[in-house]
Amino acid sequence: MDKIFCQSCGMPLESDEVFGTNKGGSKNNDYCVYCYKEGEFTQEATMDEMIQISLHHMKEMFKDSPDFNEDEALKNMQGFFPKLKRWA
């Protein structure tokens, strides 16, 4: 099965707990809970701002990983984010 990613921040959607919600609380299959709740985006941001937010979270998650390369991560996100629904 293909991986599903949040169409706003690019986070992998790997369990029901991280899926966002539509109005009324039903699961939204496009966005994560951090970006989309009750049918609305949780924050207004430009694509470049969202890339910086995501990069910050990645640096925290992988701070102990010698394999993490911030410049490479930024370059990858700058290529990936324009393909996401929110930014297309």
PDB file of N, CA and C in Angstrom:
ATOM      1  N   MET A   1       0.843  -1.193   0.000  1.00  0.00           N
ATOM      2  CA  MET A   1       0.000   0.000   0.000  1.00  0.00           C
ATOM      3  C   MET A   1       0.882   1.248   0.000  1.00  0.00           C
ATOM      4  N   ASP A   2       0.486   2.234  -0.788  1.00  0.00           N
ATOM      5  CA  ASP A   2       1.234   3.485  -0.839  1.00  0.00           C
ATOM      6  C   ASP A   2       1.070   4.249   0.469  1.00  0.00           C
ATOM      7  N   LYS A   3       2.110   4.957   0.841  1.00  0.00           N
ATOM      8  CA  LYS A   3       2.018   5.808   2.023  1.00  0.00           C
ATOM      9  C   LYS A   3       1.104   6.979   1.728  1.00  0.00           C
ATOM     10  N   ILE A   4       0.342   7.368   2.738  1.00  0.00           N
ATOM     11  CA  ILE A   4      -0.532   8.533   2.634  1.00  0.00           C
ATOM     12  C   ILE A   4       0.114   9.658   3.439  1.00  0.00           C
ATOM     13  N   PHE A   5       0.162  10.839   2.859  1.00  0.00           N
ATOM     14  CA  PHE A   5       0.768  11.984   3.516  1.00  0.00           C
ATOM     15  C   PHE A   5      -0.253  13.096   3.693  1.00  0.00           C
ATOM     16  N   CYS A   6      -0.118  13.854   4.769  1.00  0.00           N
ATOM     17  CA  CYS A   6      -0.942  15.042   4.956  1.00  0.00           C
ATOM     18  C   CYS A   6      -0.731  15.958   3.763  1.00  0.00           C
ATOM     19  N   GLN A   7      -1.815  16.426   3.193  1.00  0.00           N
ATOM     20  CA  GLN A   7      -1.754  17.265   2.011  1.00  0.00           C
ATOM     21  C   GLN A   7      -1.513  18.740   2.344  1.00  0.00           C
ATOM     22  N   SER A   8      -1.092  18.989   3.582  1.00  0.00           N
ATOM     23  CA  SER A   8      -0.704  20.333   3.998  1.00  0.00           C
ATOM     24  C   SER A   8       0.738  20.362   4.474  1.00  0.00           C
ATOM     25  N   CYS A   9       1.107  19.432   5.385  1.00  0.00           N
ATOM     26  CA  CYS A   9       2.454  19.463   5.981  1.00  0.00           C
ATOM     27  C   CYS A   9       3.343  18.312   5.542  1.00  0.00           C
ATOM     28  N   GLY A  10       2.787  17.323   4.861  1.00  0.00           N
ATOM     29  CA  GLY A  10       3.583  16.209   4.367  1.00  0.00           C
ATOM     30  C   GLY A  10       3.831  15.095   5.370  1.00  0.00           C
ATOM     31  N   MET A  11       3.260  15.190   6.575  1.00  0.00           N
ATOM     32  CA  MET A  11       3.457  14.158   7.586  1.00  0.00           C
ATOM     33  C   MET A  11       2.802  12.850   7.130  1.00  0.00           C
ATOM     34  N   PRO A  12       3.488  11.717   7.317  1.00  0.00           N
ATOM     35  CA  PRO A  12       2.853  10.435   6.984  1.00  0.00           C
ATOM     36  C   PRO A  12       1.623  10.198   7.869  1.00  0.00           C
ATOM     37  N   LEU A  13       0.533   9.771   7.257  1.00  0.00           N
ATOM     38  CA  LEU A  13      -0.700   9.460   7.987  1.00  0.00           C
ATOM     39  C   LEU A  13      -0.739   7.953   8.168  1.00  0.00           C
ATOM     40  N   GLU A  14      -0.184   7.499   9.288  1.00  0.00           N
ATOM     41  CA  GLU A  14       0.030   6.065   9.488  1.00  0.00           C
ATOM     42  C   GLU A  14      -0.930   5.423  10.486  1.00  0.00           C
ATOM     43  N   SER A  15      -1.731   6.212  11.183  1.00  0.00           N
ATOM     44  CA  SER A  15      -2.713   5.638  12.109  1.00  0.00           C
ATOM     45  C   SER A  15      -3.915   6.576  12.192  1.00  0.00           C
ATOM     46  N   ASP A  16      -5.063   6.017  12.579  1.00  0.00           N
ATOM     47  CA  ASP A  16      -6.295   6.820  12.628  1.00  0.00           C
ATOM     48  C   ASP A  16      -6.168   8.034  13.543  1.00  0.00           C
ATOM     49  N   GLU A  17      -5.326   7.931  14.572  1.00  0.00           N
ATOM     50  CA  GLU A  17      -5.199   9.028  15.536  1.00  0.00           C
ATOM     51  C   GLU A  17      -4.625  10.300  14.923  1.00  0.00           C
ATOM     52  N   VAL A  18      -3.897  10.185  13.827  1.00  0.00           N
ATOM     53  CA  VAL A  18      -3.261  11.375  13.257  1.00  0.00           C
ATOM     54  C   VAL A  18      -4.033  11.987  12.086  1.00  0.00           C
ATOM     55  N   PHE A  19      -5.151  11.376  11.705  1.00  0.00           N
ATOM     56  CA  PHE A  19      -5.967  11.960  10.642  1.00  0.00           C
ATOM     57  C   PHE A  19      -6.751  13.149  11.189  1.00  0.00           C
ATOM     58  N   GLY A  20      -6.863  14.195  10.375  1.00  0.00           N
ATOM     59  CA  GLY A  20      -7.681  15.338  10.747  1.00  0.00           C
ATOM     60  C   GLY A  20      -9.156  14.972  10.739  1.00  0.00           C
ATOM     61  N   THR A  21      -9.990  15.940  11.102  1.00  0.00           N
ATOM     62  CA  THR A  21     -11.431  15.684  11.167  1.00  0.00           C
ATOM     63  C   THR A  21     -12.216  16.704  10.355  1.00  0.00           C
ATOM     64  N   ASN A  22     -13.326  16.235   9.797  1.00  0.00           N
ATOM     65  CA  ASN A  22     -14.275  17.093   9.100  1.00  0.00           C
ATOM     66  C   ASN A  22     -15.225  17.698  10.128  1.00  0.00           C
ATOM     67  N   LYS A  23     -16.063  18.635   9.678  1.00  0.00           N
ATOM     68  CA  LYS A  23     -17.124  19.140  10.562  1.00  0.00           C
ATOM     69  C   LYS A  23     -17.948  17.948  11.023  1.00  0.00           C
ATOM     70  N   GLY A  24     -18.280  17.866  12.279  1.00  0.00           N
ATOM     71  CA  GLY A  24     -19.019  16.741  12.816  1.00  0.00           C
ATOM     72  C   GLY A  24     -18.118  15.634  13.352  1.00  0.00           C
ATOM     73  N   GLY A  25     -16.796  15.738  13.104  1.00  0.00           N
ATOM     74  CA  GLY A  25     -15.858  14.799  13.692  1.00  0.00           C
ATOM     75  C   GLY A  25     -15.462  13.598  12.864  1.00  0.00           C
ATOM     76  N   SER A  26     -16.029  13.442  11.657  1.00  0.00           N
ATOM     77  CA  SER A  26     -15.621  12.293  10.838  1.00  0.00           C
ATOM     78  C   SER A  26     -14.180  12.471  10.361  1.00  0.00           C
ATOM     79  N   LYS A  27     -13.536  11.351  10.059  1.00  0.00           N
ATOM     80  CA  LYS A  27     -12.128  11.367   9.655  1.00  0.00           C
ATOM     81  C   LYS A  27     -11.966  12.044   8.302  1.00  0.00           C
ATOM     82  N   ASN A  28     -10.948  12.897   8.193  1.00  0.00           N
ATOM     83  CA  ASN A  28     -10.577  13.495   6.926  1.00  0.00           C
ATOM     84  C   ASN A  28      -9.359  12.745   6.402  1.00  0.00           C
ATOM     85  N   ASN A  29      -9.448  12.231   5.201  1.00  0.00           N
ATOM     86  CA  ASN A  29      -8.381  11.391   4.649  1.00  0.00           C
ATOM     87  C   ASN A  29      -7.240  12.164   4.002  1.00  0.00           C
ATOM     88  N   ASP A  30      -7.346  13.489   3.954  1.00  0.00           N
ATOM     89  CA  ASP A  30      -6.326  14.287   3.277  1.00  0.00           C
ATOM     90  C   ASP A  30      -5.345  14.991   4.220  1.00  0.00           C
ATOM     91  N   TYR A  31      -5.783  15.281   5.432  1.00  0.00           N
ATOM     92  CA  TYR A  31      -4.968  16.127   6.299  1.00  0.00           C
ATOM     93  C   TYR A  31      -4.773  15.505   7.681  1.00  0.00           C
ATOM     94  N   CYS A  32      -3.681  15.902   8.345  1.00  0.00           N
ATOM     95  CA  CYS A  32      -3.405  15.426   9.701  1.00  0.00           C
ATOM     96  C   CYS A  32      -4.157  16.265  10.728  1.00  0.00           C
ATOM     97  N   VAL A  33      -4.235  15.737  11.932  1.00  0.00           N
ATOM     98  CA  VAL A  33      -4.938  16.394  13.028  1.00  0.00           C
ATOM     99  C   VAL A  33      -4.269  17.722  13.413  1.00  0.00           C
ATOM    100  N   TYR A  34      -2.989  17.851  13.123  1.00  0.00           N
ATOM    101  CA  TYR A  34      -2.284  19.087  13.469  1.00  0.00           C
ATOM    102  C   TYR A  34      -2.592  20.213  12.486  1.00  0.00           C
ATOM    103  N   CYS A  35      -2.986  19.846  11.263  1.00  0.00           N
ATOM    104  CA  CYS A  35      -3.281  20.849  10.231  1.00  0.00           C
ATOM    105  C   CYS A  35      -4.773  21.103  10.046  1.00  0.00           C
ATOM    106  N   TYR A  36      -5.626  20.121  10.396  1.00  0.00           N
ATOM    107  CA  TYR A  36      -7.043  20.207  10.017  1.00  0.00           C
ATOM    108  C   TYR A  36      -7.919  19.598  11.101  1.00  0.00           C
ATOM    109  N   LYS A  37      -8.776  20.420  11.698  1.00  0.00           N
ATOM    110  CA  LYS A  37      -9.709  19.950  12.731  1.00  0.00           C
ATOM    111  C   LYS A  37     -11.083  20.546  12.478  1.00  0.00           C
ATOM    112  N   GLU A  38     -12.103  19.693  12.627  1.00  0.00           N
ATOM    113  CA  GLU A  38     -13.505  20.136  12.481  1.00  0.00           C
ATOM    114  C   GLU A  38     -13.739  20.892  11.164  1.00  0.00           C
ATOM    115  N   GLY A  39     -13.103  20.420  10.087  1.00  0.00           N
ATOM    116  CA  GLY A  39     -13.350  20.981   8.764  1.00  0.00           C
ATOM    117  C   GLY A  39     -12.621  22.266   8.448  1.00  0.00           C
ATOM    118  N   GLU A  40     -11.665  22.651   9.286  1.00  0.00           N
ATOM    119  CA  GLU A  40     -10.929  23.886   9.043  1.00  0.00           C
ATOM    120  C   GLU A  40      -9.443  23.685   9.311  1.00  0.00           C
ATOM    121  N   PHE A  41      -8.635  24.431   8.559  1.00  0.00           N
ATOM    122  CA  PHE A  41      -7.201  24.397   8.832  1.00  0.00           C
ATOM    123  C   PHE A  41      -6.940  25.023  10.192  1.00  0.00           C
ATOM    124  N   THR A  42      -5.992  24.473  10.924  1.00  0.00           N
ATOM    125  CA  THR A  42      -5.710  24.945  12.278  1.00  0.00           C
ATOM    126  C   THR A  42      -4.884  26.224  12.276  1.00  0.00           C
ATOM    127  N   GLN A  43      -4.235  26.510  11.164  1.00  0.00           N
ATOM    128  CA  GLN A  43      -3.464  27.756  11.068  1.00  0.00           C
ATOM    129  C   GLN A  43      -3.390  28.214   9.625  1.00  0.00           C
ATOM    130  N   GLU A  44      -3.373  29.513   9.476  1.00  0.00           N
ATOM    131  CA  GLU A  44      -3.164  30.091   8.150  1.00  0.00           C
ATOM    132  C   GLU A  44      -1.663  30.209   7.956  1.00  0.00           C
ATOM    133  N   ALA A  45      -1.176  29.681   6.865  1.00  0.00           N
ATOM    134  CA  ALA A  45       0.250  29.732   6.582  1.00  0.00           C
ATOM    135  C   ALA A  45       0.444  29.652   5.082  1.00  0.00           C
ATOM    136  N   THR A  46       1.523  30.234   4.618  1.00  0.00           N
ATOM    137  CA  THR A  46       1.898  30.062   3.222  1.00  0.00           C
ATOM    138  C   THR A  46       2.623  28.715   3.111  1.00  0.00           C
ATOM    139  N   MET A  47       2.839  28.276   1.903  1.00  0.00           N
ATOM    140  CA  MET A  47       3.564  27.030   1.712  1.00  0.00           C
ATOM    141  C   MET A  47       4.976  27.143   2.308  1.00  0.00           C
ATOM    142  N   ASP A  48       5.648  28.261   2.088  1.00  0.00           N
ATOM    143  CA  ASP A  48       7.005  28.428   2.618  1.00  0.00           C
ATOM    144  C   ASP A  48       7.005  28.434   4.147  1.00  0.00           C
ATOM    145  N   GLU A  49       5.984  29.028   4.744  1.00  0.00           N
ATOM    146  CA  GLU A  49       5.877  29.004   6.210  1.00  0.00           C
ATOM    147  C   GLU A  49       5.652  27.578   6.709  1.00  0.00           C
ATOM    148  N   MET A  50       4.825  26.814   6.005  1.00  0.00           N
ATOM    149  CA  MET A  50       4.569  25.434   6.407  1.00  0.00           C
ATOM    150  C   MET A  50       5.831  24.590   6.267  1.00  0.00           C
ATOM    151  N   ILE A  51       6.624  24.837   5.257  1.00  0.00           N
ATOM    152  CA  ILE A  51       7.895  24.127   5.099  1.00  0.00           C
ATOM    153  C   ILE A  51       8.789  24.414   6.304  1.00  0.00           C
ATOM    154  N   GLN A  52       8.859  25.670   6.736  1.00  0.00           N
ATOM    155  CA  GLN A  52       9.695  26.021   7.888  1.00  0.00           C
ATOM    156  C   GLN A  52       9.167  25.370   9.174  1.00  0.00           C
ATOM    157  N   ILE A  53       7.849  25.337   9.335  1.00  0.00           N
ATOM    158  CA  ILE A  53       7.239  24.680  10.503  1.00  0.00           C
ATOM    159  C   ILE A  53       7.598  23.188  10.490  1.00  0.00           C
ATOM    160  N   SER A  54       7.447  22.560   9.335  1.00  0.00           N
ATOM    161  CA  SER A  54       7.741  21.132   9.210  1.00  0.00           C
ATOM    162  C   SER A  54       9.222  20.855   9.427  1.00  0.00           C
ATOM    163  N   LEU A  55      10.082  21.731   8.910  1.00  0.00           N
ATOM    164  CA  LEU A  55      11.524  21.559   9.093  1.00  0.00           C
ATOM    165  C   LEU A  55      11.881  21.632  10.577  1.00  0.00           C
ATOM    166  N   HIS A  56      11.257  22.554  11.292  1.00  0.00           N
ATOM    167  CA  HIS A  56      11.493  22.676  12.735  1.00  0.00           C
ATOM    168  C   HIS A  56      11.139  21.362  13.448  1.00  0.00           C
ATOM    169  N   HIS A  57       9.979  20.792  13.109  1.00  0.00           N
ATOM    170  CA  HIS A  57       9.556  19.532  13.731  1.00  0.00           C
ATOM    171  C   HIS A  57      10.501  18.383  13.363  1.00  0.00           C
ATOM    172  N   MET A  58      10.952  18.360  12.124  1.00  0.00           N
ATOM    173  CA  MET A  58      11.877  17.311  11.704  1.00  0.00           C
ATOM    174  C   MET A  58      13.207  17.423  12.455  1.00  0.00           C
ATOM    175  N   LYS A  59      13.691  18.649  12.636  1.00  0.00           N
ATOM    176  CA  LYS A  59      14.954  18.835  13.369  1.00  0.00           C
ATOM    177  C   LYS A  59      14.819  18.320  14.794  1.00  0.00           C
ATOM    178  N   GLU A  60      13.651  18.535  15.409  1.00  0.00           N
ATOM    179  CA  GLU A  60      13.416  18.022  16.768  1.00  0.00           C
ATOM    180  C   GLU A  60      13.354  16.494  16.771  1.00  0.00           C
ATOM    181  N   MET A  61      12.611  15.933  15.821  1.00  0.00           N
ATOM    182  CA  MET A  61      12.437  14.476  15.759  1.00  0.00           C
ATOM    183  C   MET A  61      13.756  13.749  15.520  1.00  0.00           C
ATOM    184  N   PHE A  62      14.597  14.326  14.667  1.00  0.00           N
ATOM    185  CA  PHE A  62      15.818  13.639  14.246  1.00  0.00           C
ATOM    186  C   PHE A  62      17.082  14.259  14.833  1.00  0.00           C
ATOM    187  N   LYS A  63      16.935  14.998  15.946  1.00  0.00           N
ATOM    188  CA  LYS A  63      18.092  15.706  16.517  1.00  0.00           C
ATOM    189  C   LYS A  63      19.221  14.771  16.927  1.00  0.00           C
ATOM    190  N   ASP A  64      18.908  13.528  17.239  1.00  0.00           N
ATOM    191  CA  ASP A  64      19.937  12.572  17.648  1.00  0.00           C
ATOM    192  C   ASP A  64      20.392  11.661  16.510  1.00  0.00           C
ATOM    193  N   SER A  65      19.886  11.913  15.316  1.00  0.00           N
ATOM    194  CA  SER A  65      20.236  11.066  14.172  1.00  0.00           C
ATOM    195  C   SER A  65      21.389  11.687  13.379  1.00  0.00           C
ATOM    196  N   PRO A  66      22.504  10.977  13.295  1.00  0.00           N
ATOM    197  CA  PRO A  66      23.625  11.518  12.513  1.00  0.00           C
ATOM    198  C   PRO A  66      23.323  11.548  11.008  1.00  0.00           C
ATOM    199  N   ASP A  67      22.290  10.831  10.584  1.00  0.00           N
ATOM    200  CA  ASP A  67      21.947  10.781   9.161  1.00  0.00           C
ATOM    201  C   ASP A  67      21.071  11.948   8.705  1.00  0.00           C
ATOM    202  N   PHE A  68      20.500  12.707   9.660  1.00  0.00           N
ATOM    203  CA  PHE A  68      19.613  13.809   9.282  1.00  0.00           C
ATOM    204  C   PHE A  68      20.427  14.970   8.720  1.00  0.00           C
ATOM    205  N   ASN A  69      20.022  15.455   7.557  1.00  0.00           N
ATOM    206  CA  ASN A  69      20.681  16.578   6.907  1.00  0.00           C
ATOM    207  C   ASN A  69      19.627  17.659   6.673  1.00  0.00           C
ATOM    208  N   GLU A  70      19.723  18.752   7.409  1.00  0.00           N
ATOM    209  CA  GLU A  70      18.717  19.826   7.334  1.00  0.00           C
ATOM    210  C   GLU A  70      18.596  20.398   5.927  1.00  0.00           C
ATOM    211  N   ASP A  71      19.716  20.647   5.272  1.00  0.00           N
ATOM    212  CA  ASP A  71      19.671  21.222   3.920  1.00  0.00           C
ATOM    213  C   ASP A  71      18.998  20.272   2.934  1.00  0.00           C
ATOM    214  N   GLU A  72      19.279  18.987   3.063  1.00  0.00           N
ATOM    215  CA  GLU A  72      18.661  17.987   2.185  1.00  0.00           C
ATOM    216  C   GLU A  72      17.158  17.895   2.465  1.00  0.00           C
ATOM    217  N   ALA A  73      16.787  17.927   3.739  1.00  0.00           N
ATOM    218  CA  ALA A  73      15.367  17.880   4.109  1.00  0.00           C
ATOM    219  C   ALA A  73      14.631  19.090   3.529  1.00  0.00           C
ATOM    220  N   LEU A  74      15.224  20.260   3.639  1.00  0.00           N
ATOM    221  CA  LEU A  74      14.607  21.479   3.109  1.00  0.00           C
ATOM    222  C   LEU A  74      14.438  21.372   1.597  1.00  0.00           C
ATOM    223  N   LYS A  75      15.465  20.926   0.922  1.00  0.00           N
ATOM    224  CA  LYS A  75      15.410  20.770  -0.538  1.00  0.00           C
ATOM    225  C   LYS A  75      14.307  19.782  -0.933  1.00  0.00           C
ATOM    226  N   ASN A  76      14.219  18.669  -0.202  1.00  0.00           N
ATOM    227  CA  ASN A  76      13.180  17.672  -0.497  1.00  0.00           C
ATOM    228  C   ASN A  76      11.784  18.250  -0.292  1.00  0.00           C
ATOM    229  N   MET A  77      11.586  18.987   0.799  1.00  0.00           N
ATOM    230  CA  MET A  77      10.269  19.581   1.054  1.00  0.00           C
ATOM    231  C   MET A  77       9.912  20.627   0.004  1.00  0.00           C
ATOM    232  N   GLN A  78      10.888  21.395  -0.441  1.00  0.00           N
ATOM    233  CA  GLN A  78      10.621  22.416  -1.462  1.00  0.00           C
ATOM    234  C   GLN A  78      10.197  21.780  -2.785  1.00  0.00           C
ATOM    235  N   GLY A  79      10.611  20.539  -3.018  1.00  0.00           N
ATOM    236  CA  GLY A  79      10.168  19.816  -4.208  1.00  0.00           C
ATOM    237  C   GLY A  79       8.851  19.080  -4.009  1.00  0.00           C
ATOM    238  N   PHE A  80       8.593  18.639  -2.773  1.00  0.00           N
ATOM    239  CA  PHE A  80       7.422  17.815  -2.454  1.00  0.00           C
ATOM    240  C   PHE A  80       6.164  18.641  -2.180  1.00  0.00           C
ATOM    241  N   PHE A  81       6.299  19.723  -1.434  1.00  0.00           N
ATOM    242  CA  PHE A  81       5.125  20.496  -1.004  1.00  0.00           C
ATOM    243  C   PHE A  81       4.279  21.043  -2.154  1.00  0.00           C
ATOM    244  N   PRO A  82       4.873  21.522  -3.258  1.00  0.00           N
ATOM    245  CA  PRO A  82       4.026  22.032  -4.356  1.00  0.00           C
ATOM    246  C   PRO A  82       3.097  20.979  -4.945  1.00  0.00           C
ATOM    247  N   LYS A  83       3.355  19.693  -4.671  1.00  0.00           N
ATOM    248  CA  LYS A  83       2.507  18.615  -5.188  1.00  0.00           C
ATOM    249  C   LYS A  83       1.359  18.283  -4.238  1.00  0.00           C
ATOM    250  N   LEU A  84       1.380  18.831  -3.025  1.00  0.00           N
ATOM    251  CA  LEU A  84       0.330  18.559  -2.032  1.00  0.00           C
ATOM    252  C   LEU A  84      -0.923  19.373  -2.377  1.00  0.00           C
ATOM    253  N   LYS A  85      -2.103  18.804  -2.086  1.00  0.00           N
ATOM    254  CA  LYS A  85      -3.380  19.439  -2.442  1.00  0.00           C
ATOM    255  C   LYS A  85      -3.508  20.888  -1.969  1.00  0.00           C
ATOM    256  N   ARG A  86      -3.087  21.137  -0.737  1.00  0.00           N
ATOM    257  CA  ARG A  86      -3.262  22.486  -0.195  1.00  0.00           C
ATOM    258  C   ARG A  86      -2.464  23.522  -0.968  1.00  0.00           C
ATOM    259  N   TRP A  87      -1.352  23.126  -1.555  1.00  0.00           N
ATOM    260  CA  TRP A  87      -0.457  24.091  -2.195  1.00  0.00           C
ATOM    261  C   TRP A  87      -0.450  23.992  -3.716  1.00  0.00           C
ATOM    262  N   ALA A  88      -1.110  22.999  -4.283  1.00  0.00           N
ATOM    263  CA  ALA A  88      -1.088  22.811  -5.739  1.00  0.00           C
ATOM    264  C   ALA A  88      -1.855  23.918  -6.449  1.00  0.00           C
TER     265      ALA A  88
END
